[in-house]
Amino acid sequence: MPAGDPVFEGHFPDQPIVPGAWLLDHVVEAASDAGLDGPWRLASVKFLSPVGPGEAVILSLRPASAGGLAFTLHCGEREVARGSIAALED
């Protein structure tokens, strides 16, 4: 997310961080690209460290139990979030 993005005006003005929802949108998009059929549920999510404007985020996916996917998000060596996503059951 570029440093000049308007979202940072309110999230948060004195110490801007990338919204967690924006990060999770990319997890869902990657899960779809990996073939996991939606709709999805986030089985677990932990935000470990804030992501600042302009920081590059690397997303890793790996198979998890019950056909879901586990994910980790890194900025360089720093793990910023982790969790798992699965298809929503009827």
PDB file of N, CA and C in Angstrom:
ATOM      1  N   MET A   1       0.858  -1.167   0.000  1.00  0.00           N
ATOM      2  CA  MET A   1       0.000   0.000   0.000  1.00  0.00           C
ATOM      3  C   MET A   1       0.904   1.230   0.000  1.00  0.00           C
ATOM      4  N   PRO A   2       0.762   2.094  -0.981  1.00  0.00           N
ATOM      5  CA  PRO A   2       1.642   3.265  -1.079  1.00  0.00           C
ATOM      6  C   PRO A   2       1.464   4.219   0.104  1.00  0.00           C
ATOM      7  N   ALA A   3       2.539   4.869   0.479  1.00  0.00           N
ATOM      8  CA  ALA A   3       2.531   5.776   1.628  1.00  0.00           C
ATOM      9  C   ALA A   3       1.522   6.907   1.472  1.00  0.00           C
ATOM     10  N   GLY A   4       1.218   7.334   0.251  1.00  0.00           N
ATOM     11  CA  GLY A   4       0.294   8.437   0.038  1.00  0.00           C
ATOM     12  C   GLY A   4      -1.173   8.033  -0.021  1.00  0.00           C
ATOM     13  N   ASP A   5      -1.479   6.748   0.182  1.00  0.00           N
ATOM     14  CA  ASP A   5      -2.864   6.285   0.105  1.00  0.00           C
ATOM     15  C   ASP A   5      -3.725   6.992   1.152  1.00  0.00           C
ATOM     16  N   PRO A   6      -4.908   7.461   0.761  1.00  0.00           N
ATOM     17  CA  PRO A   6      -5.777   8.204   1.685  1.00  0.00           C
ATOM     18  C   PRO A   6      -6.202   7.421   2.928  1.00  0.00           C
ATOM     19  N   VAL A   7      -6.138   6.093   2.884  1.00  0.00           N
ATOM     20  CA  VAL A   7      -6.543   5.314   4.059  1.00  0.00           C
ATOM     21  C   VAL A   7      -5.710   5.676   5.290  1.00  0.00           C
ATOM     22  N   PHE A   8      -4.478   6.119   5.071  1.00  0.00           N
ATOM     23  CA  PHE A   8      -3.600   6.425   6.200  1.00  0.00           C
ATOM     24  C   PHE A   8      -3.991   7.708   6.926  1.00  0.00           C
ATOM     25  N   GLU A   9      -4.830   8.536   6.298  1.00  0.00           N
ATOM     26  CA  GLU A   9      -5.278   9.760   6.969  1.00  0.00           C
ATOM     27  C   GLU A   9      -6.071   9.435   8.226  1.00  0.00           C
ATOM     28  N   GLY A  10      -6.780   8.324   8.227  1.00  0.00           N
ATOM     29  CA  GLY A  10      -7.573   7.954   9.387  1.00  0.00           C
ATOM     30  C   GLY A  10      -7.115   6.680  10.063  1.00  0.00           C
ATOM     31  N   HIS A  11      -6.018   6.106   9.591  1.00  0.00           N
ATOM     32  CA  HIS A  11      -5.589   4.795  10.117  1.00  0.00           C
ATOM     33  C   HIS A  11      -4.084   4.756  10.306  1.00  0.00           C
ATOM     34  N   PHE A  12      -3.463   5.340  11.079  1.00  0.00           N
ATOM     35  CA  PHE A  12      -3.789   6.363  12.071  1.00  0.00           C
ATOM     36  C   PHE A  12      -2.930   7.572  11.773  1.00  0.00           C
ATOM     37  N   PRO A  13      -3.445   8.783  11.894  1.00  0.00           N
ATOM     38  CA  PRO A  13      -2.748   9.971  11.398  1.00  0.00           C
ATOM     39  C   PRO A  13      -1.329  10.152  11.943  1.00  0.00           C
ATOM     40  N   ASP A  14      -1.122   9.915  13.228  1.00  0.00           N
ATOM     41  CA  ASP A  14       0.202  10.144  13.815  1.00  0.00           C
ATOM     42  C   ASP A  14       1.140   8.952  13.677  1.00  0.00           C
ATOM     43  N   GLN A  15       0.597   7.787  13.436  1.00  0.00           N
ATOM     44  CA  GLN A  15       1.409   6.578  13.289  1.00  0.00           C
ATOM     45  C   GLN A  15       0.686   5.635  12.325  1.00  0.00           C
ATOM     46  N   PRO A  16       0.762   5.915  11.006  1.00  0.00           N
ATOM     47  CA  PRO A  16      -0.021   5.153  10.036  1.00  0.00           C
ATOM     48  C   PRO A  16       0.382   3.683   9.965  1.00  0.00           C
ATOM     49  N   ILE A  17      -0.636   2.818   9.861  1.00  0.00           N
ATOM     50  CA  ILE A  17      -0.408   1.386   9.651  1.00  0.00           C
ATOM     51  C   ILE A  17      -1.382   0.885   8.590  1.00  0.00           C
ATOM     52  N   VAL A  18      -0.973  -0.165   7.904  1.00  0.00           N
ATOM     53  CA  VAL A  18      -1.829  -0.799   6.900  1.00  0.00           C
ATOM     54  C   VAL A  18      -2.968  -1.509   7.641  1.00  0.00           C
ATOM     55  N   PRO A  19      -4.221  -1.285   7.235  1.00  0.00           N
ATOM     56  CA  PRO A  19      -5.350  -1.948   7.895  1.00  0.00           C
ATOM     57  C   PRO A  19      -5.272  -3.471   7.764  1.00  0.00           C
ATOM     58  N   GLY A  20      -5.607  -4.158   8.842  1.00  0.00           N
ATOM     59  CA  GLY A  20      -5.624  -5.615   8.829  1.00  0.00           C
ATOM     60  C   GLY A  20      -6.571  -6.167   7.780  1.00  0.00           C
ATOM     61  N   ALA A  21      -7.695  -5.490   7.556  1.00  0.00           N
ATOM     62  CA  ALA A  21      -8.655  -5.949   6.544  1.00  0.00           C
ATOM     63  C   ALA A  21      -8.025  -5.957   5.156  1.00  0.00           C
ATOM     64  N   TRP A  22      -7.167  -4.977   4.872  1.00  0.00           N
ATOM     65  CA  TRP A  22      -6.485  -4.926   3.571  1.00  0.00           C
ATOM     66  C   TRP A  22      -5.554  -6.132   3.428  1.00  0.00           C
ATOM     67  N   LEU A  23      -4.824  -6.456   4.504  1.00  0.00           N
ATOM     68  CA  LEU A  23      -3.935  -7.621   4.474  1.00  0.00           C
ATOM     69  C   LEU A  23      -4.736  -8.903   4.253  1.00  0.00           C
ATOM     70  N   LEU A  24      -5.856  -9.037   4.969  1.00  0.00           N
ATOM     71  CA  LEU A  24      -6.664 -10.248   4.850  1.00  0.00           C
ATOM     72  C   LEU A  24      -7.335 -10.364   3.490  1.00  0.00           C
ATOM     73  N   ASP A  25      -7.673  -9.261   2.863  1.00  0.00           N
ATOM     74  CA  ASP A  25      -8.208  -9.307   1.495  1.00  0.00           C
ATOM     75  C   ASP A  25      -7.218  -9.986   0.558  1.00  0.00           C
ATOM     76  N   HIS A  26      -5.947  -9.715   0.757  1.00  0.00           N
ATOM     77  CA  HIS A  26      -4.921 -10.325  -0.091  1.00  0.00           C
ATOM     78  C   HIS A  26      -4.744 -11.808   0.222  1.00  0.00           C
ATOM     79  N   VAL A  27      -4.945 -12.196   1.463  1.00  0.00           N
ATOM     80  CA  VAL A  27      -4.913 -13.619   1.812  1.00  0.00           C
ATOM     81  C   VAL A  27      -6.050 -14.344   1.088  1.00  0.00           C
ATOM     82  N   VAL A  28      -7.255 -13.786   1.132  1.00  0.00           N
ATOM     83  CA  VAL A  28      -8.414 -14.391   0.472  1.00  0.00           C
ATOM     84  C   VAL A  28      -8.186 -14.481  -1.039  1.00  0.00           C
ATOM     85  N   GLU A  29      -7.642 -13.427  -1.624  1.00  0.00           N
ATOM     86  CA  GLU A  29      -7.351 -13.434  -3.067  1.00  0.00           C
ATOM     87  C   GLU A  29      -6.339 -14.526  -3.411  1.00  0.00           C
ATOM     88  N   ALA A  30      -5.306 -14.668  -2.596  1.00  0.00           N
ATOM     89  CA  ALA A  30      -4.294 -15.701  -2.839  1.00  0.00           C
ATOM     90  C   ALA A  30      -4.887 -17.097  -2.658  1.00  0.00           C
ATOM     91  N   ALA A  31      -5.769 -17.270  -1.683  1.00  0.00           N
ATOM     92  CA  ALA A  31      -6.422 -18.566  -1.480  1.00  0.00           C
ATOM     93  C   ALA A  31      -7.256 -18.933  -2.702  1.00  0.00           C
ATOM     94  N   SER A  32      -7.946 -17.968  -3.264  1.00  0.00           N
ATOM     95  CA  SER A  32      -8.731 -18.194  -4.474  1.00  0.00           C
ATOM     96  C   SER A  32      -7.822 -18.579  -5.635  1.00  0.00           C
ATOM     97  N   ASP A  33      -6.710 -17.856  -5.784  1.00  0.00           N
ATOM     98  CA  ASP A  33      -5.747 -18.163  -6.848  1.00  0.00           C
ATOM     99  C   ASP A  33      -5.153 -19.561  -6.675  1.00  0.00           C
ATOM    100  N   ALA A  34      -5.063 -20.029  -5.417  1.00  0.00           N
ATOM    101  CA  ALA A  34      -4.505 -21.351  -5.124  1.00  0.00           C
ATOM    102  C   ALA A  34      -5.542 -22.463  -5.292  1.00  0.00           C
ATOM    103  N   GLY A  35      -6.784 -22.086  -5.627  1.00  0.00           N
ATOM    104  CA  GLY A  35      -7.802 -23.089  -5.896  1.00  0.00           C
ATOM    105  C   GLY A  35      -8.745 -23.387  -4.748  1.00  0.00           C
ATOM    106  N   LEU A  36      -8.660 -22.661  -3.643  1.00  0.00           N
ATOM    107  CA  LEU A  36      -9.589 -22.860  -2.530  1.00  0.00           C
ATOM    108  C   LEU A  36     -10.898 -22.158  -2.877  1.00  0.00           C
ATOM    109  N   ASP A  37     -11.967 -22.947  -2.992  1.00  0.00           N
ATOM    110  CA  ASP A  37     -13.262 -22.382  -3.363  1.00  0.00           C
ATOM    111  C   ASP A  37     -13.872 -21.617  -2.198  1.00  0.00           C
ATOM    112  N   GLY A  38     -14.421 -20.431  -2.492  1.00  0.00           N
ATOM    113  CA  GLY A  38     -15.092 -19.624  -1.477  1.00  0.00           C
ATOM    114  C   GLY A  38     -16.568 -19.953  -1.436  1.00  0.00           C
ATOM    115  N   PRO A  39     -17.326 -19.376  -0.565  1.00  0.00           N
ATOM    116  CA  PRO A  39     -16.868 -18.367   0.392  1.00  0.00           C
ATOM    117  C   PRO A  39     -15.964 -18.974   1.458  1.00  0.00           C
ATOM    118  N   TRP A  40     -15.233 -18.091   2.138  1.00  0.00           N
ATOM    119  CA  TRP A  40     -14.222 -18.519   3.084  1.00  0.00           C
ATOM    120  C   TRP A  40     -14.580 -18.107   4.500  1.00  0.00           C
ATOM    121  N   ARG A  41     -13.913 -18.758   5.421  1.00  0.00           N
ATOM    122  CA  ARG A  41     -13.940 -18.314   6.815  1.00  0.00           C
ATOM    123  C   ARG A  41     -12.500 -18.245   7.285  1.00  0.00           C
ATOM    124  N   LEU A  42     -12.223 -17.258   8.078  1.00  0.00           N
ATOM    125  CA  LEU A  42     -10.902 -17.148   8.675  1.00  0.00           C
ATOM    126  C   LEU A  42     -10.940 -17.953   9.961  1.00  0.00           C
ATOM    127  N   ALA A  43     -10.260 -19.099   9.961  1.00  0.00           N
ATOM    128  CA  ALA A  43     -10.292 -19.989  11.117  1.00  0.00           C
ATOM    129  C   ALA A  43      -9.513 -19.402  12.285  1.00  0.00           C
ATOM    130  N   SER A  44      -8.432 -18.707  11.980  1.00  0.00           N
ATOM    131  CA  SER A  44      -7.645 -18.026  13.017  1.00  0.00           C
ATOM    132  C   SER A  44      -6.808 -16.944  12.361  1.00  0.00           C
ATOM    133  N   VAL A  45      -6.595 -15.868  13.086  1.00  0.00           N
ATOM    134  CA  VAL A  45      -5.750 -14.771  12.608  1.00  0.00           C
ATOM    135  C   VAL A  45      -5.057 -14.146  13.809  1.00  0.00           C
ATOM    136  N   LYS A  46      -3.754 -13.935  13.687  1.00  0.00           N
ATOM    137  CA  LYS A  46      -2.997 -13.187  14.693  1.00  0.00           C
ATOM    138  C   LYS A  46      -2.187 -12.123  13.982  1.00  0.00           C
ATOM    139  N   PHE A  47      -2.392 -10.882  14.388  1.00  0.00           N
ATOM    140  CA  PHE A  47      -1.569  -9.783  13.895  1.00  0.00           C
ATOM    141  C   PHE A  47      -0.438  -9.603  14.905  1.00  0.00           C
ATOM    142  N   LEU A  48       0.791  -9.762  14.443  1.00  0.00           N
ATOM    143  CA  LEU A  48       1.941  -9.801  15.338  1.00  0.00           C
ATOM    144  C   LEU A  48       2.741  -8.511  15.364  1.00  0.00           C
ATOM    145  N   SER A  49       2.691  -7.765  14.278  1.00  0.00           N
ATOM    146  CA  SER A  49       3.484  -6.548  14.167  1.00  0.00           C
ATOM    147  C   SER A  49       2.832  -5.652  13.119  1.00  0.00           C
ATOM    148  N   PRO A  50       2.770  -4.342  13.355  1.00  0.00           N
ATOM    149  CA  PRO A  50       2.139  -3.462  12.372  1.00  0.00           C
ATOM    150  C   PRO A  50       2.948  -3.358  11.081  1.00  0.00           C
ATOM    151  N   VAL A  51       2.231  -3.124   9.990  1.00  0.00           N
ATOM    152  CA  VAL A  51       2.840  -2.903   8.678  1.00  0.00           C
ATOM    153  C   VAL A  51       2.693  -1.422   8.364  1.00  0.00           C
ATOM    154  N   GLY A  52       3.793  -0.784   8.062  1.00  0.00           N
ATOM    155  CA  GLY A  52       3.774   0.644   7.766  1.00  0.00           C
ATOM    156  C   GLY A  52       3.578   0.933   6.292  1.00  0.00           C
ATOM    157  N   PRO A  53       3.283   2.185   5.971  1.00  0.00           N
ATOM    158  CA  PRO A  53       3.110   2.592   4.577  1.00  0.00           C
ATOM    159  C   PRO A  53       4.355   2.273   3.748  1.00  0.00           C
ATOM    160  N   GLY A  54       4.145   1.702   2.576  1.00  0.00           N
ATOM    161  CA  GLY A  54       5.237   1.429   1.657  1.00  0.00           C
ATOM    162  C   GLY A  54       6.044   0.175   1.956  1.00  0.00           C
ATOM    163  N   GLU A  55       5.756  -0.531   3.053  1.00  0.00           N
ATOM    164  CA  GLU A  55       6.502  -1.758   3.356  1.00  0.00           C
ATOM    165  C   GLU A  55       6.031  -2.887   2.444  1.00  0.00           C
ATOM    166  N   ALA A  56       6.972  -3.653   1.920  1.00  0.00           N
ATOM    167  CA  ALA A  56       6.642  -4.811   1.093  1.00  0.00           C
ATOM    168  C   ALA A  56       6.224  -5.963   1.996  1.00  0.00           C
ATOM    169  N   VAL A  57       5.124  -6.615   1.639  1.00  0.00           N
ATOM    170  CA  VAL A  57       4.600  -7.738   2.412  1.00  0.00           C
ATOM    171  C   VAL A  57       4.688  -8.991   1.555  1.00  0.00           C
ATOM    172  N   ILE A  58       5.262 -10.050   2.117  1.00  0.00           N
ATOM    173  CA  ILE A  58       5.368 -11.340   1.439  1.00  0.00           C
ATOM    174  C   ILE A  58       4.362 -12.288   2.077  1.00  0.00           C
ATOM    175  N   LEU A  59       3.514 -12.893   1.245  1.00  0.00           N
ATOM    176  CA  LEU A  59       2.491 -13.827   1.704  1.00  0.00           C
ATOM    177  C   LEU A  59       2.918 -15.241   1.347  1.00  0.00           C
ATOM    178  N   SER A  60       2.864 -16.138   2.327  1.00  0.00           N
ATOM    179  CA  SER A  60       3.147 -17.557   2.094  1.00  0.00           C
ATOM    180  C   SER A  60       1.923 -18.368   2.477  1.00  0.00           C
ATOM    181  N   LEU A  61       1.557 -19.324   1.629  1.00  0.00           N
ATOM    182  CA  LEU A  61       0.446 -20.241   1.894  1.00  0.00           C
ATOM    183  C   LEU A  61       0.972 -21.660   1.934  1.00  0.00           C
ATOM    184  N   ARG A  62       0.367 -22.485   2.789  1.00  0.00           N
ATOM    185  CA  ARG A  62       0.698 -23.907   2.823  1.00  0.00           C
ATOM    186  C   ARG A  62      -0.565 -24.676   3.209  1.00  0.00           C
ATOM    187  N   PRO A  63      -0.662 -25.943   2.808  1.00  0.00           N
ATOM    188  CA  PRO A  63      -1.850 -26.727   3.154  1.00  0.00           C
ATOM    189  C   PRO A  63      -2.019 -26.832   4.671  1.00  0.00           C
ATOM    190  N   ALA A  64      -3.280 -26.810   5.099  1.00  0.00           N
ATOM    191  CA  ALA A  64      -3.617 -26.968   6.513  1.00  0.00           C
ATOM    192  C   ALA A  64      -4.677 -28.061   6.634  1.00  0.00           C
ATOM    193  N   SER A  65      -5.070 -28.360   7.845  1.00  0.00           N
ATOM    194  CA  SER A  65      -6.044 -29.421   8.078  1.00  0.00           C
ATOM    195  C   SER A  65      -7.390 -29.100   7.431  1.00  0.00           C
ATOM    196  N   ALA A  66      -8.142 -30.144   7.163  1.00  0.00           N
ATOM    197  CA  ALA A  66      -9.501 -30.050   6.619  1.00  0.00           C
ATOM    198  C   ALA A  66      -9.565 -29.292   5.296  1.00  0.00           C
ATOM    199  N   GLY A  67      -8.515 -29.366   4.495  1.00  0.00           N
ATOM    200  CA  GLY A  67      -8.534 -28.761   3.173  1.00  0.00           C
ATOM    201  C   GLY A  67      -8.344 -27.263   3.147  1.00  0.00           C
ATOM    202  N   GLY A  68      -8.023 -26.666   4.269  1.00  0.00           N
ATOM    203  CA  GLY A  68      -7.791 -25.229   4.320  1.00  0.00           C
ATOM    204  C   GLY A  68      -6.349 -24.883   4.006  1.00  0.00           C
ATOM    205  N   LEU A  69      -6.022 -23.629   4.211  1.00  0.00           N
ATOM    206  CA  LEU A  69      -4.667 -23.137   3.985  1.00  0.00           C
ATOM    207  C   LEU A  69      -4.210 -22.333   5.193  1.00  0.00           C
ATOM    208  N   ALA A  70      -2.967 -22.542   5.579  1.00  0.00           N
ATOM    209  CA  ALA A  70      -2.336 -21.706   6.601  1.00  0.00           C
ATOM    210  C   ALA A  70      -1.580 -20.609   5.869  1.00  0.00           C
ATOM    211  N   PHE A  71      -1.507 -19.433   6.486  1.00  0.00           N
ATOM    212  CA  PHE A  71      -0.790 -18.333   5.854  1.00  0.00           C
ATOM    213  C   PHE A  71       0.111 -17.638   6.858  1.00  0.00           C
ATOM    214  N   THR A  72       1.167 -17.052   6.323  1.00  0.00           N
ATOM    215  CA  THR A  72       2.026 -16.146   7.086  1.00  0.00           C
ATOM    216  C   THR A  72       2.296 -14.932   6.211  1.00  0.00           C
ATOM    217  N   LEU A  73       2.419 -13.790   6.850  1.00  0.00           N
ATOM    218  CA  LEU A  73       2.765 -12.544   6.183  1.00  0.00           C
ATOM    219  C   LEU A  73       4.041 -12.024   6.819  1.00  0.00           C
ATOM    220  N   HIS A  74       5.013 -11.661   5.984  1.00  0.00           N
ATOM    221  CA  HIS A  74       6.296 -11.144   6.458  1.00  0.00           C
ATOM    222  C   HIS A  74       6.619  -9.808   5.800  1.00  0.00           C
ATOM    223  N   CYS A  75       7.277  -8.965   6.536  1.00  0.00           N
ATOM    224  CA  CYS A  75       7.950  -7.770   6.016  1.00  0.00           C
ATOM    225  C   CYS A  75       9.425  -8.022   6.278  1.00  0.00           C
ATOM    226  N   GLY A  76      10.148  -8.393   5.246  1.00  0.00           N
ATOM    227  CA  GLY A  76      11.536  -8.796   5.444  1.00  0.00           C
ATOM    228  C   GLY A  76      11.574 -10.035   6.325  1.00  0.00           C
ATOM    229  N   GLU A  77      12.374  -9.999   7.378  1.00  0.00           N
ATOM    230  CA  GLU A  77      12.491 -11.121   8.312  1.00  0.00           C
ATOM    231  C   GLU A  77      11.397 -11.106   9.378  1.00  0.00           C
ATOM    232  N   ARG A  78      10.664 -10.023   9.476  1.00  0.00           N
ATOM    233  CA  ARG A  78       9.675  -9.835  10.543  1.00  0.00           C
ATOM    234  C   ARG A  78       8.330 -10.449  10.154  1.00  0.00           C
ATOM    235  N   GLU A  79       7.858 -11.399  10.963  1.00  0.00           N
ATOM    236  CA  GLU A  79       6.530 -11.973  10.753  1.00  0.00           C
ATOM    237  C   GLU A  79       5.501 -10.979  11.277  1.00  0.00           C
ATOM    238  N   VAL A  80       4.549 -10.599  10.423  1.00  0.00           N
ATOM    239  CA  VAL A  80       3.576  -9.580  10.820  1.00  0.00           C
ATOM    240  C   VAL A  80       2.184 -10.153  11.081  1.00  0.00           C
ATOM    241  N   ALA A  81       1.870 -11.308  10.501  1.00  0.00           N
ATOM    242  CA  ALA A  81       0.571 -11.939  10.745  1.00  0.00           C
ATOM    243  C   ALA A  81       0.652 -13.406  10.352  1.00  0.00           C
ATOM    244  N   ARG A  82      -0.248 -14.189  10.957  1.00  0.00           N
ATOM    245  CA  ARG A  82      -0.365 -15.599  10.586  1.00  0.00           C
ATOM    246  C   ARG A  82      -1.770 -16.066  10.918  1.00  0.00           C
ATOM    247  N   GLY A  83      -2.170 -17.152  10.276  1.00  0.00           N
ATOM    248  CA  GLY A  83      -3.494 -17.693  10.543  1.00  0.00           C
ATOM    249  C   GLY A  83      -3.836 -18.789   9.562  1.00  0.00           C
ATOM    250  N   SER A  84      -5.130 -19.081   9.487  1.00  0.00           N
ATOM    251  CA  SER A  84      -5.584 -20.099   8.545  1.00  0.00           C
ATOM    252  C   SER A  84      -6.941 -19.703   7.981  1.00  0.00           C
ATOM    253  N   ILE A  85      -7.184 -20.183   6.780  1.00  0.00           N
ATOM    254  CA  ILE A  85      -8.409 -19.884   6.044  1.00  0.00           C
ATOM    255  C   ILE A  85      -8.948 -21.208   5.514  1.00  0.00           C
ATOM    256  N   ALA A  86     -10.266 -21.339   5.509  1.00  0.00           N
ATOM    257  CA  ALA A  86     -10.892 -22.567   5.027  1.00  0.00           C
ATOM    258  C   ALA A  86     -12.167 -22.204   4.281  1.00  0.00           C
ATOM    259  N   ALA A  87     -12.621 -23.131   3.449  1.00  0.00           N
ATOM    260  CA  ALA A  87     -13.895 -22.928   2.764  1.00  0.00           C
ATOM    261  C   ALA A  87     -15.013 -22.982   3.795  1.00  0.00           C
ATOM    262  N   LEU A  88     -15.981 -22.110   3.643  1.00  0.00           N
ATOM    263  CA  LEU A  88     -17.136 -22.067   4.535  1.00  0.00           C
ATOM    264  C   LEU A  88     -18.011 -23.272   4.240  1.00  0.00           C
ATOM    265  N   GLU A  89     -18.354 -24.014   5.281  1.00  0.00           N
ATOM    266  CA  GLU A  89     -19.192 -25.202   5.102  1.00  0.00           C
ATOM    267  C   GLU A  89     -20.658 -24.810   5.156  1.00  0.00           C
ATOM    268  N   ASP A  90     -21.481 -25.549   4.398  1.00  0.00           N
ATOM    269  CA  ASP A  90     -22.930 -25.268   4.383  1.00  0.00           C
ATOM    270  C   ASP A  90     -23.572 -25.601   5.702  1.00  0.00           C
TER     271      ASP A  90
END
